Amino acid sequence: MPPILKSILKLIVVILLIVMAFQANWLIGVAAILVILGYFVYVNRSAMYAQRGNLAYMKGDREQALIWMEKAYDSKAFLPKHQIGYGYLLMKTGDLTKAEQMFEEVLQSAKASDIRIQAKLNVATVYWLKNKRDEALGMLQELANEVKNTLVYGNYGYFQILQGDLEEALTYNLEAYAYNDNDITIMDNLAQNYYMLGRLKEADEMYTKVIAKTPKHAESYYFYARTLEQLGRIKEAREQIQTALGKELALVTPLTKEDIVLFASELGDDEVEQMVGE
């Protein structure tokens, strides 16, 4: 039976029970509503905890987000998509072992292909962060051979750049761009790839498109500033590095905050120079 039909049938049964309860006695009817609401909250408690965890994370309260996600996990009714979110949060806070456990459990239990792909991509990220880079790239390459979608193209294209084989990475990132020329991750990968190959004009053109989408991580603005500096457009480079200073680094990155501050100083930012001097 289709899931939507099951949901409709359940709703009909609930409505009938409430009507019958009220026909017997209005107090019984009220009690029936309270019991049904309580059951609904209990059954869906995991999703409610996870939602509160997501809201806390969006507000920047990672500690509270972890508390709610742990409650959702302990409820034993944790949805795979929420478990992936919990695992990602664990990666952000440095608990790589527990994060890997979350993703491996999803791979063992989930049947939906999109969820399994997300879990595999995150396992590869954990491997990379644990300096098991051959295992990470091997998993990503296997996935890239099996799946052609935006998420895989974006992840594998980035890790290829980090690995350092820039010509091979460019071939893949151009293929990714042909597949989806509007995805910010794919565009950003291609722009960074061009910059690292010294193809500055093409990097500039691609970064113009990337910045128009307001990327959330510092790397985009940093490497665009690098591109502009090498093109002799110092004022524009300063603008980009200033934005980079106010952004968070990505989970997997070749940069540190010190790299950004140092380059801002080299570009002649007086406030940053003073900060470096102190």
Protein backbone atom coordinates (compact mmCIF):
# COMPACT_ATOMS: atom_id res chain seq x y z
CA MET A 1 0.00 0.00 0.00
CA PRO A 2 1.40 3.45 -0.91
CA PRO A 3 2.58 5.49 2.12
CA ILE A 4 0.20 8.36 1.35
CA LEU A 5 -2.77 5.95 1.34
CA LYS A 6 -1.66 4.51 4.67
CA SER A 7 -1.49 8.01 6.13
CA ILE A 8 -4.98 8.83 4.87
CA LEU A 9 -6.39 5.61 6.34
CA LYS A 10 -4.76 6.33 9.70
CA LEU A 11 -6.23 9.82 9.71
CA ILE A 12 -9.69 8.45 8.94
CA VAL A 13 -9.41 5.93 11.79
CA VAL A 14 -8.33 8.67 14.23
CA ILE A 15 -11.23 10.91 13.21
CA LEU A 16 -13.70 8.04 13.59
CA LEU A 17 -12.39 7.20 17.05
CA ILE A 18 -12.72 10.82 18.18
CA VAL A 19 -16.28 11.08 16.79
CA MET A 20 -17.29 7.83 18.52
CA ALA A 21 -15.75 9.01 21.79
CA PHE A 22 -17.68 12.29 21.70
CA GLN A 23 -20.89 10.44 20.86
CA ALA A 24 -20.41 8.39 24.02
CA ASN A 25 -19.53 11.36 26.25
CA TRP A 26 -17.87 14.70 25.71
CA LEU A 27 -15.35 14.02 28.50
CA ILE A 28 -14.40 10.77 26.83
CA GLY A 29 -14.01 12.69 23.59
CA VAL A 30 -11.64 15.21 25.18
CA ALA A 31 -9.70 12.38 26.82
CA ALA A 32 -9.42 10.62 23.45
CA ILE A 33 -7.97 13.75 21.84
CA LEU A 34 -5.42 14.13 24.65
CA VAL A 35 -4.41 10.48 24.40
CA ILE A 36 -4.02 10.69 20.62
CA LEU A 37 -1.98 13.91 20.87
CA GLY A 38 0.23 12.34 23.53
CA TYR A 39 0.77 9.27 21.37
CA PHE A 40 1.59 11.46 18.36
CA VAL A 41 4.18 13.42 20.36
CA TYR A 42 5.72 10.20 21.71
CA VAL A 43 5.96 8.52 18.32
CA ASN A 44 7.42 11.63 16.69
CA ARG A 45 9.65 12.70 19.57
CA SER A 46 12.83 11.90 17.67
CA ALA A 47 11.95 14.22 14.79
CA MET A 48 10.91 16.94 17.25
CA TYR A 49 14.22 16.67 19.13
CA ALA A 50 16.14 16.73 15.85
CA GLN A 51 14.25 19.82 14.73
CA ARG A 52 15.17 21.60 17.96
CA GLY A 53 18.76 20.53 17.42
CA ASN A 54 18.72 21.99 13.91
CA LEU A 55 17.29 25.27 15.17
CA ALA A 56 19.97 25.49 17.87
CA TYR A 57 22.68 24.83 15.29
CA MET A 58 21.33 27.55 12.98
CA LYS A 59 21.49 29.96 15.92
CA GLY A 60 25.15 29.03 16.45
CA ASP A 61 24.59 27.08 19.68
CA ARG A 62 26.44 23.86 18.85
CA GLU A 63 26.45 22.62 22.45
CA GLN A 64 22.66 22.79 22.69
CA ALA A 65 22.33 21.31 19.20
CA LEU A 66 24.39 18.29 20.30
CA ILE A 67 22.21 17.82 23.39
CA TRP A 68 19.02 17.72 21.33
CA MET A 69 20.52 15.48 18.65
CA GLU A 70 21.72 13.04 21.32
CA LYS A 71 18.19 12.93 22.76
CA ALA A 72 16.83 12.25 19.28
CA TYR A 73 19.37 9.46 18.77
CA ASP A 74 18.57 7.89 22.14
CA SER A 75 14.86 7.84 21.33
CA LYS A 76 15.49 4.83 19.05
CA ALA A 77 13.28 6.30 16.33
CA PHE A 78 15.96 8.40 14.68
CA LEU A 79 15.36 9.02 10.98
CA PRO A 80 18.41 8.44 8.74
CA LYS A 81 18.34 12.03 7.41
CA HIS A 82 18.47 13.34 10.98
CA GLN A 83 21.24 10.90 11.85
CA ILE A 84 23.32 12.26 8.97
CA GLY A 85 22.76 15.75 10.33
CA TYR A 86 23.88 14.59 13.76
CA GLY A 87 26.97 12.99 12.27
CA TYR A 88 27.85 16.19 10.43
CA LEU A 89 27.51 18.17 13.66
CA LEU A 90 29.81 15.68 15.38
CA MET A 91 32.37 16.21 12.61
CA LYS A 92 32.14 19.97 13.10
CA THR A 93 32.84 19.56 16.80
CA GLY A 94 35.75 17.15 16.22
CA ASP A 95 34.18 13.87 17.38
CA LEU A 96 35.17 11.95 14.26
CA THR A 97 34.83 8.46 15.74
CA LYS A 98 31.23 8.96 16.79
CA ALA A 99 30.46 10.76 13.53
CA GLU A 100 31.74 7.76 11.57
CA GLN A 101 29.57 5.49 13.72
CA MET A 102 26.49 7.54 12.79
CA PHE A 103 27.17 7.31 9.08
CA GLU A 104 28.01 3.59 9.18
CA GLU A 105 24.73 2.90 10.99
CA VAL A 106 22.87 4.77 8.27
CA LEU A 107 24.60 2.67 5.62
CA GLN A 108 23.53 -0.48 7.43
CA SER A 109 19.89 0.53 7.84
CA ALA A 110 18.90 2.97 5.09
CA LYS A 111 17.47 1.78 1.80
CA ALA A 112 16.92 5.11 0.02
CA SER A 113 19.74 5.71 -2.47
CA ASP A 114 20.00 9.46 -1.82
CA ILE A 115 20.47 8.88 1.92
CA ARG A 116 23.09 6.20 1.29
CA ILE A 117 25.00 8.51 -1.05
CA GLN A 118 25.05 11.27 1.59
CA ALA A 119 26.26 8.79 4.20
CA LYS A 120 29.09 7.54 1.95
CA LEU A 121 30.20 11.09 1.15
CA ASN A 122 30.33 11.86 4.85
CA VAL A 123 32.26 8.69 5.66
CA ALA A 124 34.82 9.78 3.04
CA THR A 125 35.01 13.18 4.74
CA VAL A 126 35.66 11.51 8.10
CA TYR A 127 38.43 9.44 6.50
CA TRP A 128 40.02 12.59 5.09
CA LEU A 129 39.87 14.37 8.44
CA LYS A 130 41.47 11.30 10.04
CA ASN A 131 44.29 11.54 7.47
CA LYS A 132 43.13 8.30 5.80
CA ARG A 133 43.22 10.11 2.49
CA ASP A 134 43.72 7.14 0.18
CA GLU A 135 40.63 5.50 1.68
CA ALA A 136 38.67 8.73 1.32
CA LEU A 137 39.60 9.23 -2.33
CA GLY A 138 39.02 5.56 -3.10
CA MET A 139 35.50 5.71 -1.69
CA LEU A 140 34.75 8.93 -3.56
CA GLN A 141 36.12 7.61 -6.84
CA GLU A 142 34.04 4.44 -6.53
CA LEU A 143 30.96 6.54 -5.84
CA ALA A 144 31.75 8.90 -8.74
CA ASN A 145 31.99 5.91 -11.10
CA GLU A 146 28.56 4.70 -9.98
CA VAL A 147 26.64 7.96 -9.56
CA LYS A 148 26.34 11.11 -11.65
CA ASN A 149 24.68 13.78 -9.57
CA THR A 150 25.42 17.27 -8.31
CA LEU A 151 26.29 16.23 -4.76
CA VAL A 152 28.87 13.65 -5.84
CA TYR A 153 30.35 15.94 -8.48
CA GLY A 154 30.76 18.71 -5.92
CA ASN A 155 32.38 16.55 -3.26
CA TYR A 156 34.73 14.51 -5.43
CA GLY A 157 35.74 17.56 -7.48
CA TYR A 158 36.82 19.37 -4.33
CA PHE A 159 38.76 16.46 -2.87
CA GLN A 160 40.59 16.00 -6.16
CA ILE A 161 41.80 19.60 -5.93
CA LEU A 162 42.97 19.01 -2.36
CA GLN A 163 44.81 15.89 -3.50
CA GLY A 164 46.83 18.05 -5.88
CA ASP A 165 46.45 16.43 -9.30
CA LEU A 166 45.09 19.63 -10.77
CA GLU A 167 44.86 18.61 -14.43
CA GLU A 168 42.91 15.46 -13.59
CA ALA A 169 40.78 17.50 -11.21
CA LEU A 170 40.08 20.04 -13.95
CA THR A 171 38.85 17.34 -16.31
CA TYR A 172 36.39 16.13 -13.69
CA ASN A 173 35.32 19.63 -12.62
CA LEU A 174 34.64 20.63 -16.23
CA GLU A 175 32.50 17.49 -16.56
CA ALA A 176 30.72 18.50 -13.36
CA TYR A 177 30.12 22.02 -14.68
CA ALA A 178 28.68 20.62 -17.90
CA TYR A 179 26.33 18.52 -15.75
CA ASN A 180 25.19 21.45 -13.58
CA ASP A 181 26.50 24.93 -14.33
CA ASN A 182 24.39 26.58 -11.65
CA ASP A 183 25.54 24.74 -8.53
CA ILE A 184 27.70 26.93 -6.29
CA THR A 185 29.95 24.08 -5.11
CA ILE A 186 30.70 22.90 -8.64
CA MET A 187 31.33 26.48 -9.78
CA ASP A 188 33.56 27.17 -6.79
CA ASN A 189 35.57 24.01 -7.41
CA LEU A 190 36.16 25.00 -11.01
CA ALA A 191 37.15 28.55 -10.06
CA GLN A 192 39.65 27.32 -7.45
CA ASN A 193 40.96 24.74 -9.90
CA TYR A 194 41.59 27.45 -12.51
CA TYR A 195 43.33 29.66 -9.93
CA MET A 196 45.65 26.89 -8.81
CA LEU A 197 46.58 26.16 -12.42
CA GLY A 198 47.41 29.83 -12.97
CA ARG A 199 44.56 30.30 -15.41
CA LEU A 200 43.64 33.59 -13.81
CA LYS A 201 41.27 35.03 -16.41
CA GLU A 202 39.11 31.91 -16.31
CA ALA A 203 39.30 31.87 -12.50
CA ASP A 204 38.17 35.51 -12.41
CA GLU A 205 35.23 34.81 -14.70
CA MET A 206 34.11 31.82 -12.65
CA TYR A 207 34.61 33.52 -9.28
CA THR A 208 32.46 36.42 -10.46
CA LYS A 209 29.62 33.93 -10.83
CA VAL A 210 30.42 32.26 -7.51
CA ILE A 211 30.52 35.49 -5.48
CA ALA A 212 27.19 36.56 -6.99
CA LYS A 213 25.69 33.59 -5.12
CA THR A 214 27.15 34.78 -1.79
CA PRO A 215 29.05 31.67 -0.70
CA LYS A 216 29.05 31.07 3.05
CA HIS A 217 32.65 29.94 3.52
CA ALA A 218 35.82 32.01 3.61
CA GLU A 219 37.72 29.96 1.02
CA SER A 220 35.78 31.37 -1.94
CA TYR A 221 36.58 34.97 -1.04
CA TYR A 222 40.19 34.18 -0.12
CA PHE A 223 41.04 32.48 -3.41
CA TYR A 224 39.18 35.13 -5.37
CA ALA A 225 41.25 37.77 -3.56
CA ARG A 226 44.36 35.81 -4.53
CA THR A 227 43.20 35.76 -8.13
CA LEU A 228 42.50 39.49 -8.17
CA GLU A 229 45.84 40.30 -6.51
CA GLN A 230 47.71 38.40 -9.20
CA LEU A 231 45.71 40.23 -11.85
CA GLY A 232 46.84 43.53 -10.31
CA ARG A 233 43.37 44.51 -9.04
CA ILE A 234 44.46 45.21 -5.47
CA LYS A 235 41.49 47.29 -4.35
CA GLU A 236 39.06 44.54 -5.37
CA ALA A 237 41.30 41.95 -3.72
CA ARG A 238 41.12 43.89 -0.44
CA GLU A 239 37.32 43.90 -0.62
CA GLN A 240 37.22 40.13 -1.04
CA ILE A 241 39.72 39.40 1.72
CA GLN A 242 37.75 41.63 4.08
CA THR A 243 34.71 39.47 3.43
CA ALA A 244 36.79 36.33 3.93
CA LEU A 245 37.86 37.57 7.37
CA GLY A 246 34.23 37.56 8.50
CA LYS A 247 33.38 34.10 7.19
CA GLU A 248 33.74 30.63 8.67
CA LEU A 249 36.15 28.13 7.12
CA ALA A 250 34.73 24.98 5.57
CA LEU A 251 34.92 21.69 7.44
CA VAL A 252 37.57 20.41 5.04
CA THR A 253 39.95 23.19 4.00
CA PRO A 254 43.54 23.84 2.98
CA LEU A 255 43.43 27.16 4.85
CA THR A 256 43.65 28.48 8.39
CA LYS A 257 42.34 31.76 9.75
CA GLU A 258 45.98 32.83 10.05
CA ASP A 259 46.41 32.41 6.28
CA ILE A 260 43.56 34.83 5.67
CA VAL A 261 44.79 37.38 8.21
CA LEU A 262 48.31 37.23 6.80
CA PHE A 263 47.16 37.76 3.23
CA ALA A 264 44.94 40.66 4.32
CA SER A 265 48.02 42.21 5.91
CA GLU A 266 50.05 41.69 2.73
CA LEU A 267 47.33 43.49 0.77
CA GLY A 268 47.78 46.53 2.97
CA ASP A 269 44.78 46.38 5.29
CA ASP A 270 45.74 48.82 8.07
CA GLU A 271 43.54 47.27 10.76
CA VAL A 272 44.83 43.79 10.03
CA GLU A 273 48.45 44.98 9.88
CA GLN A 274 48.04 46.49 13.31
CA MET A 275 46.50 43.27 14.62
CA VAL A 276 49.37 41.19 13.15
CA GLY A 277 51.90 43.58 14.63
CA GLU A 278 50.44 43.13 18.10
